[in-house]
Protein backbone atom coordinates (compact mmCIF):
# COMPACT_ATOMS: atom_id res chain seq x y z
CA MET A 1 -47.43 27.27 -1.53
CA LYS A 2 -49.99 24.82 -2.88
CA PRO A 3 -49.05 23.05 -6.16
CA LEU A 4 -51.08 24.05 -9.21
CA LEU A 5 -51.97 20.49 -10.16
CA ASN A 6 -52.29 17.17 -8.41
CA PRO A 7 -49.42 15.00 -9.73
CA HIS A 8 -51.30 11.77 -8.92
CA ARG A 9 -54.32 12.40 -11.07
CA ASN A 10 -55.85 10.33 -13.84
CA ILE A 11 -56.51 11.59 -17.33
CA ASN A 12 -59.92 13.23 -17.38
CA PRO A 13 -62.57 11.19 -19.28
CA THR A 14 -63.73 14.38 -21.01
CA LEU A 15 -60.32 14.74 -22.64
CA ILE A 16 -60.36 11.13 -23.81
CA LYS A 17 -63.88 11.60 -25.22
CA LEU A 18 -62.82 14.73 -27.12
CA ARG A 19 -59.97 12.81 -28.72
CA GLU A 20 -62.23 9.89 -29.64
CA GLU A 21 -64.69 12.29 -31.31
CA ASN A 22 -61.82 13.92 -33.27
CA VAL A 23 -62.42 17.34 -31.74
CA TRP A 24 -59.29 19.34 -32.51
CA ARG A 25 -59.70 22.37 -30.24
CA CYS A 26 -61.40 23.25 -26.97
CA SER A 27 -62.05 26.46 -25.09
CA SER A 28 -60.10 27.57 -22.05
CA SER A 29 -63.14 26.89 -19.85
CA LEU A 30 -63.15 23.27 -21.02
CA VAL A 31 -59.41 23.01 -20.35
CA CYS A 32 -60.10 24.29 -16.83
CA GLU A 33 -62.76 21.61 -16.42
CA ILE A 34 -60.43 18.90 -17.76
CA LEU A 35 -57.57 19.92 -15.46
CA GLU A 36 -59.95 20.63 -12.55
CA ILE A 37 -58.63 24.14 -12.02
CA ASN A 38 -60.06 27.65 -12.27
CA ARG A 39 -59.24 30.33 -14.84
CA GLN A 40 -56.65 32.10 -12.67
CA GLN A 41 -54.84 28.81 -12.13
CA LEU A 42 -54.84 28.24 -15.90
CA ILE A 43 -53.10 31.59 -16.41
CA LYS A 44 -50.55 30.67 -13.71
CA LEU A 45 -50.05 27.32 -15.43
CA LEU A 46 -49.37 29.05 -18.76
CA ASN A 47 -46.72 31.21 -17.06
CA ALA A 48 -45.19 28.48 -14.86
CA PHE A 49 -44.81 25.67 -17.42
CA PRO A 50 -43.00 26.66 -20.62
CA ASN A 51 -43.98 23.32 -22.19
CA PHE A 52 -47.71 23.88 -21.58
CA PRO A 53 -49.58 24.23 -24.91
CA LYS A 54 -49.98 27.81 -26.08
CA PRO A 55 -53.51 29.09 -26.65
CA MET A 56 -54.84 30.03 -30.07
CA ARG A 57 -57.19 32.93 -30.72
CA ASP A 58 -59.50 33.37 -33.69
CA ARG A 59 -59.07 37.17 -33.53
CA GLU A 60 -56.35 39.51 -32.35
CA THR A 61 -58.49 41.31 -29.78
CA ARG A 62 -57.95 40.85 -26.08
CA GLN A 63 -61.53 39.61 -25.61
CA ALA A 64 -61.17 36.81 -28.16
CA VAL A 65 -61.79 33.31 -26.83
CA MET A 66 -58.67 31.26 -26.09
CA TYR A 67 -58.68 27.81 -27.68
CA PHE A 68 -56.29 24.95 -27.02
CA ASP A 69 -55.36 22.05 -29.26
CA VAL A 70 -56.88 18.90 -27.73
CA ASP A 71 -53.98 16.67 -28.79
CA GLU A 72 -51.43 19.08 -27.32
CA ILE A 73 -53.30 19.15 -24.00
CA PHE A 74 -53.47 15.34 -24.02
CA GLN A 75 -49.75 14.99 -24.78
CA TRP A 76 -48.87 17.51 -22.10
CA CYS A 77 -50.92 15.56 -19.52
CA ILE A 78 -49.23 12.32 -20.55
CA ASN A 79 -45.74 13.83 -20.38
CA GLU A 80 -46.36 15.70 -17.14
CA PHE A 81 -48.22 13.05 -15.13
CA HIS A 82 -48.12 9.68 -16.88
CA SER A 83 -44.73 9.10 -18.41
CA ASP A 84 -45.38 5.34 -18.14
CA PHE A 85 -48.60 5.58 -20.23
């Protein structure tokens, strides 16, 4: 079985830019772009890693957009891949 993420990856420049611009949340499609995965892999990631940041929704409906906290995604990337950062 292929691993979900490449363990030897660098932090995506888009994520660093979002933090520099003080953006506090990003959509699931942007998280997919940052992690270089597709939407199905993001769902698998949510289920496989209990420490992966939980999504927020602005409504309770199933169709509501999933948002993620940018700082939580950044910290998760640091803890998961760059413990020496």
